[in-house]
Amino acid sequence: MGESYVPFVVELVFRGNETDRLSFGEAHRTYWKRMAAHGILLGGGPWRDGSGELLVCEARDRRALLRVLYADPYAQAHLIGEVRVREWNATMGQAVLAGLERTTGGAGTHERIRRGVPAPVAPPAPSSTREGLTAHERRIATMMLDGLTNRQIADSFTVSTRAVELHITRIYRKLDIRRRAQLAAAIGRFEAAPAL
């Protein structure tokens, strides 16, 4: 059974000076890379003046997000003076980040990360006989057709290669193909066929 996840914009306001944060910087970056790999961190980075960071995250609710934020090594070392959290309704622009889907399997929990940049044209509505590609899956498929490697695609979204591989598996399943060489023809067939 799927759970819904809420996008949040988070501003971390640092306390102290850069020297205070230096010894925890690597742990802080490693922590947030791990959160990106888990689909919690969608994007973000520090302010140019070094006074804080802006993060775009997804979580079940505010309480779950706060647990993640307060586990940050900077927070544990009391290097964050203020945390501002707001729910975000991402509706405009090419850089809008989309959702996260998690499904529970019989033997355990399997996560499928679905996020990215919406295409200018909305994907076809899913029907009972076929499931349309999400906007982000279309973007990944286009990048694949352009010859980008899984690592290059992952780097462009600042996520793990594993997250991209999960997307690709889902794309292949939806298009009923098994390898990259079949992608162009399958997308052409898929888009041309009317949904029944």
C-alpha atoms as a PDB file:
ATOM      1  CA  MET A   1       0.000   0.000   0.000  1.00  0.00           C
ATOM      2  CA  GLY A   2       1.519   3.342  -1.046  1.00  0.00           C
ATOM      3  CA  GLU A   3       2.147   6.281   1.237  1.00  0.00           C
ATOM      4  CA  SER A   4       1.956   9.924   0.271  1.00  0.00           C
ATOM      5  CA  TYR A   5       4.954  12.158   0.829  1.00  0.00           C
ATOM      6  CA  VAL A   6       4.942  15.908   1.295  1.00  0.00           C
ATOM      7  CA  PRO A   7       7.541  18.242  -0.239  1.00  0.00           C
ATOM      8  CA  PHE A   8       9.145  20.715   2.166  1.00  0.00           C
ATOM      9  CA  VAL A   9      11.496  23.646   1.754  1.00  0.00           C
ATOM     10  CA  VAL A  10      13.928  23.850   4.658  1.00  0.00           C
ATOM     11  CA  GLU A  11      16.246  26.709   5.557  1.00  0.00           C
ATOM     12  CA  LEU A  12      19.064  25.954   7.968  1.00  0.00           C
ATOM     13  CA  VAL A  13      20.586  29.048   9.547  1.00  0.00           C
ATOM     14  CA  PHE A  14      24.069  28.298  10.826  1.00  0.00           C
ATOM     15  CA  ARG A  15      25.434  29.425  14.172  1.00  0.00           C
ATOM     16  CA  GLY A  16      29.039  30.308  14.895  1.00  0.00           C
ATOM     17  CA  ASN A  17      31.652  30.760  12.185  1.00  0.00           C
ATOM     18  CA  GLU A  18      32.917  28.612   9.340  1.00  0.00           C
ATOM     19  CA  THR A  19      35.831  27.343  11.423  1.00  0.00           C
ATOM     20  CA  ASP A  20      33.337  25.882  13.936  1.00  0.00           C
ATOM     21  CA  ARG A  21      31.649  23.922  11.123  1.00  0.00           C
ATOM     22  CA  LEU A  22      34.841  22.791   9.413  1.00  0.00           C
ATOM     23  CA  SER A  23      35.385  19.673  11.509  1.00  0.00           C
ATOM     24  CA  PHE A  24      31.792  18.504  10.903  1.00  0.00           C
ATOM     25  CA  GLY A  25      31.576  19.494   7.216  1.00  0.00           C
ATOM     26  CA  GLU A  26      32.427  16.108   5.738  1.00  0.00           C
ATOM     27  CA  ALA A  27      30.004  14.277   8.062  1.00  0.00           C
ATOM     28  CA  HIS A  28      27.279  16.819   7.207  1.00  0.00           C
ATOM     29  CA  ARG A  29      27.781  16.341   3.438  1.00  0.00           C
ATOM     30  CA  THR A  30      27.931  12.543   3.752  1.00  0.00           C
ATOM     31  CA  TYR A  31      24.731  12.550   5.798  1.00  0.00           C
ATOM     32  CA  TRP A  32      22.810  14.561   3.186  1.00  0.00           C
ATOM     33  CA  LYS A  33      24.172  12.446   0.327  1.00  0.00           C
ATOM     34  CA  ARG A  34      22.725   9.463   2.152  1.00  0.00           C
ATOM     35  CA  MET A  35      19.388  11.292   2.533  1.00  0.00           C
ATOM     36  CA  ALA A  36      19.437  11.996  -1.235  1.00  0.00           C
ATOM     37  CA  ALA A  37      20.048   8.312  -1.940  1.00  0.00           C
ATOM     38  CA  HIS A  38      17.020   7.479   0.243  1.00  0.00           C
ATOM     39  CA  GLY A  39      14.875   9.989  -1.637  1.00  0.00           C
ATOM     40  CA  ILE A  40      14.447  12.361   1.301  1.00  0.00           C
ATOM     41  CA  LEU A  41      16.681  15.154  -0.008  1.00  0.00           C
ATOM     42  CA  LEU A  42      15.563  16.271  -3.463  1.00  0.00           C
ATOM     43  CA  GLY A  43      18.088  19.091  -3.814  1.00  0.00           C
ATOM     44  CA  GLY A  44      19.696  22.018  -2.119  1.00  0.00           C
ATOM     45  CA  GLY A  45      22.910  23.634  -1.100  1.00  0.00           C
ATOM     46  CA  PRO A  46      24.542  26.406   0.923  1.00  0.00           C
ATOM     47  CA  TRP A  47      23.949  30.133   0.589  1.00  0.00           C
ATOM     48  CA  ARG A  48      26.868  31.881  -1.120  1.00  0.00           C
ATOM     49  CA  ASP A  49      27.552  33.924   2.021  1.00  0.00           C
ATOM     50  CA  GLY A  50      27.950  30.718   4.066  1.00  0.00           C
ATOM     51  CA  SER A  51      25.224  31.702   6.549  1.00  0.00           C
ATOM     52  CA  GLY A  52      23.094  28.619   5.964  1.00  0.00           C
ATOM     53  CA  GLU A  53      21.573  26.174   3.506  1.00  0.00           C
ATOM     54  CA  LEU A  54      18.369  25.686   1.579  1.00  0.00           C
ATOM     55  CA  LEU A  55      17.134  22.099   1.234  1.00  0.00           C
ATOM     56  CA  VAL A  56      14.164  20.673  -0.655  1.00  0.00           C
ATOM     57  CA  CYS A  57      13.042  17.473   1.027  1.00  0.00           C
ATOM     58  CA  GLU A  58      10.188  14.986   1.032  1.00  0.00           C
ATOM     59  CA  ALA A  59       8.854  13.183   4.075  1.00  0.00           C
ATOM     60  CA  ARG A  60       5.660  11.546   5.335  1.00  0.00           C
ATOM     61  CA  ASP A  61       4.985  14.551   7.539  1.00  0.00           C
ATOM     62  CA  ARG A  62       6.654  17.417   9.374  1.00  0.00           C
ATOM     63  CA  ARG A  63       7.544  15.303  12.403  1.00  0.00           C
ATOM     64  CA  ALA A  64       9.362  12.711  10.252  1.00  0.00           C
ATOM     65  CA  LEU A  65      11.266  15.501   8.505  1.00  0.00           C
ATOM     66  CA  LEU A  66      12.281  17.108  11.805  1.00  0.00           C
ATOM     67  CA  ARG A  67      13.723  13.776  12.974  1.00  0.00           C
ATOM     68  CA  VAL A  68      15.884  13.738   9.826  1.00  0.00           C
ATOM     69  CA  LEU A  69      16.935  17.373  10.280  1.00  0.00           C
ATOM     70  CA  TYR A  70      17.909  16.962  13.918  1.00  0.00           C
ATOM     71  CA  ALA A  71      20.013  13.872  13.078  1.00  0.00           C
ATOM     72  CA  ASP A  72      22.212  16.070  10.824  1.00  0.00           C
ATOM     73  CA  PRO A  73      25.770  16.175  12.281  1.00  0.00           C
ATOM     74  CA  TYR A  74      25.583  20.001  12.282  1.00  0.00           C
ATOM     75  CA  ALA A  75      22.426  19.857  14.407  1.00  0.00           C
ATOM     76  CA  GLN A  76      23.987  17.246  16.723  1.00  0.00           C
ATOM     77  CA  ALA A  77      26.988  19.558  17.211  1.00  0.00           C
ATOM     78  CA  HIS A  78      24.673  22.566  17.878  1.00  0.00           C
ATOM     79  CA  LEU A  79      25.921  24.374  14.767  1.00  0.00           C
ATOM     80  CA  ILE A  80      22.422  25.204  13.502  1.00  0.00           C
ATOM     81  CA  GLY A  81      20.890  28.265  15.106  1.00  0.00           C
ATOM     82  CA  GLU A  82      17.509  28.108  13.399  1.00  0.00           C
ATOM     83  CA  VAL A  83      15.519  25.675  11.268  1.00  0.00           C
ATOM     84  CA  ARG A  84      12.703  27.042   9.077  1.00  0.00           C
ATOM     85  CA  VAL A  85      10.414  24.425   7.527  1.00  0.00           C
ATOM     86  CA  ARG A  86       7.566  25.100   5.108  1.00  0.00           C
ATOM     87  CA  GLU A  87       5.371  22.751   3.102  1.00  0.00           C
ATOM     88  CA  TRP A  88       5.893  23.389  -0.593  1.00  0.00           C
ATOM     89  CA  ASN A  89       3.367  23.284  -3.408  1.00  0.00           C
ATOM     90  CA  ALA A  90       5.675  22.835  -6.413  1.00  0.00           C
ATOM     91  CA  THR A  91       3.645  24.026  -9.404  1.00  0.00           C
ATOM     92  CA  MET A  92       5.774  26.203 -11.704  1.00  0.00           C
ATOM     93  CA  GLY A  93       8.893  26.098 -13.835  1.00  0.00           C
ATOM     94  CA  GLN A  94      11.097  23.497 -15.461  1.00  0.00           C
ATOM     95  CA  ALA A  95      13.016  22.828 -12.236  1.00  0.00           C
ATOM     96  CA  VAL A  96      10.007  21.713 -10.210  1.00  0.00           C
ATOM     97  CA  LEU A  97      10.774  18.567  -8.278  1.00  0.00           C
ATOM     98  CA  ALA A  98       8.136  15.852  -8.283  1.00  0.00           C
ATOM     99  CA  GLY A  99       7.102  13.156  -5.809  1.00  0.00           C
ATOM    100  CA  LEU A 100       8.448  10.095  -4.115  1.00  0.00           C
ATOM    101  CA  GLU A 101       6.633   6.805  -4.297  1.00  0.00           C
ATOM    102  CA  ARG A 102       7.208   3.992  -1.845  1.00  0.00           C
ATOM    103  CA  THR A 103       5.500   0.636  -2.021  1.00  0.00           C
ATOM    104  CA  THR A 104       5.484  -2.173   0.503  1.00  0.00           C
ATOM    105  CA  GLY A 105       6.207  -5.676  -0.768  1.00  0.00           C
ATOM    106  CA  GLY A 106       5.271  -8.990   0.804  1.00  0.00           C
ATOM    107  CA  ALA A 107       8.668  -9.891   2.257  1.00  0.00           C
ATOM    108  CA  GLY A 108       9.701  -6.342   3.130  1.00  0.00           C
ATOM    109  CA  THR A 109       9.652  -2.765   2.039  1.00  0.00           C
ATOM    110  CA  HIS A 110      10.783  -1.862  -1.466  1.00  0.00           C
ATOM    111  CA  GLU A 111      11.309   1.768  -2.340  1.00  0.00           C
ATOM    112  CA  ARG A 112      10.959   3.181  -5.799  1.00  0.00           C
ATOM    113  CA  ILE A 113      12.093   6.766  -6.107  1.00  0.00           C
ATOM    114  CA  ARG A 114      10.241   8.896  -8.608  1.00  0.00           C
ATOM    115  CA  ARG A 115      11.291  12.506  -8.844  1.00  0.00           C
ATOM    116  CA  GLY A 116      12.449  15.089 -11.285  1.00  0.00           C
ATOM    117  CA  VAL A 117      11.615  17.795 -13.720  1.00  0.00           C
ATOM    118  CA  PRO A 118       8.209  17.830 -15.384  1.00  0.00           C
ATOM    119  CA  ALA A 119       8.021  17.996 -19.148  1.00  0.00           C
ATOM    120  CA  PRO A 120       6.203  20.977 -20.697  1.00  0.00           C
ATOM    121  CA  VAL A 121       3.403  18.627 -21.800  1.00  0.00           C
ATOM    122  CA  ALA A 122       1.692  16.493 -19.190  1.00  0.00           C
ATOM    123  CA  PRO A 123       2.101  12.719 -19.582  1.00  0.00           C
ATOM    124  CA  PRO A 124      -0.904  10.740 -20.812  1.00  0.00           C
ATOM    125  CA  ALA A 125      -3.319   9.737 -18.090  1.00  0.00           C
ATOM    126  CA  PRO A 126      -2.813   6.138 -16.971  1.00  0.00           C
ATOM    127  CA  SER A 127      -5.550   3.730 -17.972  1.00  0.00           C
ATOM    128  CA  SER A 128      -6.551   0.336 -16.727  1.00  0.00           C
ATOM    129  CA  THR A 129      -4.484  -1.331 -19.486  1.00  0.00           C
ATOM    130  CA  ARG A 130      -1.268   0.730 -19.409  1.00  0.00           C
ATOM    131  CA  GLU A 131       0.535   2.989 -17.025  1.00  0.00           C
ATOM    132  CA  GLY A 132       1.958   6.200 -18.492  1.00  0.00           C
ATOM    133  CA  LEU A 133       5.513   7.368 -17.904  1.00  0.00           C
ATOM    134  CA  THR A 134       5.779  10.122 -15.330  1.00  0.00           C
ATOM    135  CA  ALA A 135       7.290  13.432 -16.372  1.00  0.00           C
ATOM    136  CA  HIS A 136      10.522  12.511 -14.614  1.00  0.00           C
ATOM    137  CA  GLU A 137      10.648   9.091 -16.249  1.00  0.00           C
ATOM    138  CA  ARG A 138      10.253  10.817 -19.636  1.00  0.00           C
ATOM    139  CA  ARG A 139      13.171  13.098 -18.785  1.00  0.00           C
ATOM    140  CA  ILE A 140      15.361  10.141 -17.792  1.00  0.00           C
ATOM    141  CA  ALA A 141      14.373   8.265 -20.960  1.00  0.00           C
ATOM    142  CA  THR A 142      15.319  11.334 -23.045  1.00  0.00           C
ATOM    143  CA  MET A 143      18.693  11.535 -21.281  1.00  0.00           C
ATOM    144  CA  MET A 144      19.240   7.836 -21.999  1.00  0.00           C
ATOM    145  CA  LEU A 145      18.395   8.383 -25.675  1.00  0.00           C
ATOM    146  CA  ASP A 146      20.902  11.266 -25.676  1.00  0.00           C
ATOM    147  CA  GLY A 147      23.570   8.739 -24.664  1.00  0.00           C
ATOM    148  CA  LEU A 148      24.090   9.718 -21.017  1.00  0.00           C
ATOM    149  CA  THR A 149      25.278   6.980 -18.669  1.00  0.00           C
ATOM    150  CA  ASN A 150      23.410   6.100 -15.479  1.00  0.00           C
ATOM    151  CA  ARG A 151      26.164   7.882 -13.502  1.00  0.00           C
ATOM    152  CA  GLN A 152      25.816  11.051 -15.604  1.00  0.00           C
ATOM    153  CA  ILE A 153      22.031  11.014 -15.143  1.00  0.00           C
ATOM    154  CA  ALA A 154      22.469  10.515 -11.384  1.00  0.00           C
ATOM    155  CA  ASP A 155      24.960  13.398 -11.218  1.00  0.00           C
ATOM    156  CA  SER A 156      22.570  15.729 -13.064  1.00  0.00           C
ATOM    157  CA  PHE A 157      19.881  15.105 -10.406  1.00  0.00           C
ATOM    158  CA  THR A 158      22.348  14.823  -7.490  1.00  0.00           C
ATOM    159  CA  VAL A 159      21.072  11.361  -6.580  1.00  0.00           C
ATOM    160  CA  SER A 160      22.639   7.916  -6.367  1.00  0.00           C
ATOM    161  CA  THR A 161      23.159   5.699  -9.395  1.00  0.00           C
ATOM    162  CA  ARG A 162      20.922   3.176  -7.632  1.00  0.00           C
ATOM    163  CA  ALA A 163      18.044   5.671  -7.626  1.00  0.00           C
ATOM    164  CA  VAL A 164      18.442   6.125 -11.397  1.00  0.00           C
ATOM    165  CA  GLU A 165      18.589   2.350 -11.897  1.00  0.00           C
ATOM    166  CA  LEU A 166      15.266   2.014 -10.050  1.00  0.00           C
ATOM    167  CA  HIS A 167      13.726   4.580 -12.411  1.00  0.00           C
ATOM    168  CA  ILE A 168      15.112   2.790 -15.453  1.00  0.00           C
ATOM    169  CA  THR A 169      13.738  -0.544 -14.229  1.00  0.00           C
ATOM    170  CA  ARG A 170      10.329   1.061 -13.879  1.00  0.00           C
ATOM    171  CA  ILE A 171      10.580   2.630 -17.367  1.00  0.00           C
ATOM    172  CA  TYR A 172      11.545  -0.734 -18.890  1.00  0.00           C
ATOM    173  CA  ARG A 173       8.643  -2.435 -17.113  1.00  0.00           C
ATOM    174  CA  LYS A 174       6.160   0.148 -18.345  1.00  0.00           C
ATOM    175  CA  LEU A 175       7.493  -0.062 -21.911  1.00  0.00           C
ATOM    176  CA  ASP A 176       7.818  -3.871 -21.752  1.00  0.00           C
ATOM    177  CA  ILE A 177      11.486  -3.876 -22.814  1.00  0.00           C
ATOM    178  CA  ARG A 178      14.707  -5.318 -21.369  1.00  0.00           C
ATOM    179  CA  ARG A 179      17.558  -3.124 -22.614  1.00  0.00           C
ATOM    180  CA  ARG A 180      18.505   0.388 -23.626  1.00  0.00           C
ATOM    181  CA  ALA A 181      18.778  -0.463 -27.328  1.00  0.00           C
ATOM    182  CA  GLN A 182      15.013  -1.094 -27.413  1.00  0.00           C
ATOM    183  CA  LEU A 183      14.121   2.242 -25.810  1.00  0.00           C
ATOM    184  CA  ALA A 184      13.653   4.533 -28.828  1.00  0.00           C
ATOM    185  CA  ALA A 185      11.356   2.150 -30.692  1.00  0.00           C
ATOM    186  CA  ALA A 186       9.400   1.297 -27.546  1.00  0.00           C
ATOM    187  CA  ILE A 187       8.771   4.945 -26.679  1.00  0.00           C
ATOM    188  CA  GLY A 188       7.578   5.581 -30.239  1.00  0.00           C
ATOM    189  CA  ARG A 189       5.157   2.640 -30.066  1.00  0.00           C
ATOM    190  CA  PHE A 190       4.021   3.515 -26.554  1.00  0.00           C
ATOM    191  CA  GLU A 191       3.287   7.174 -27.358  1.00  0.00           C
ATOM    192  CA  ALA A 192       1.542   6.374 -30.630  1.00  0.00           C
ATOM    193  CA  ALA A 193      -0.756   3.697 -29.208  1.00  0.00           C
ATOM    194  CA  PRO A 194      -4.080   5.005 -27.864  1.00  0.00           C
ATOM    195  CA  ALA A 195      -4.847   4.213 -24.235  1.00  0.00           C
ATOM    196  CA  LEU A 196      -7.731   1.748 -24.042  1.00  0.00           C
END
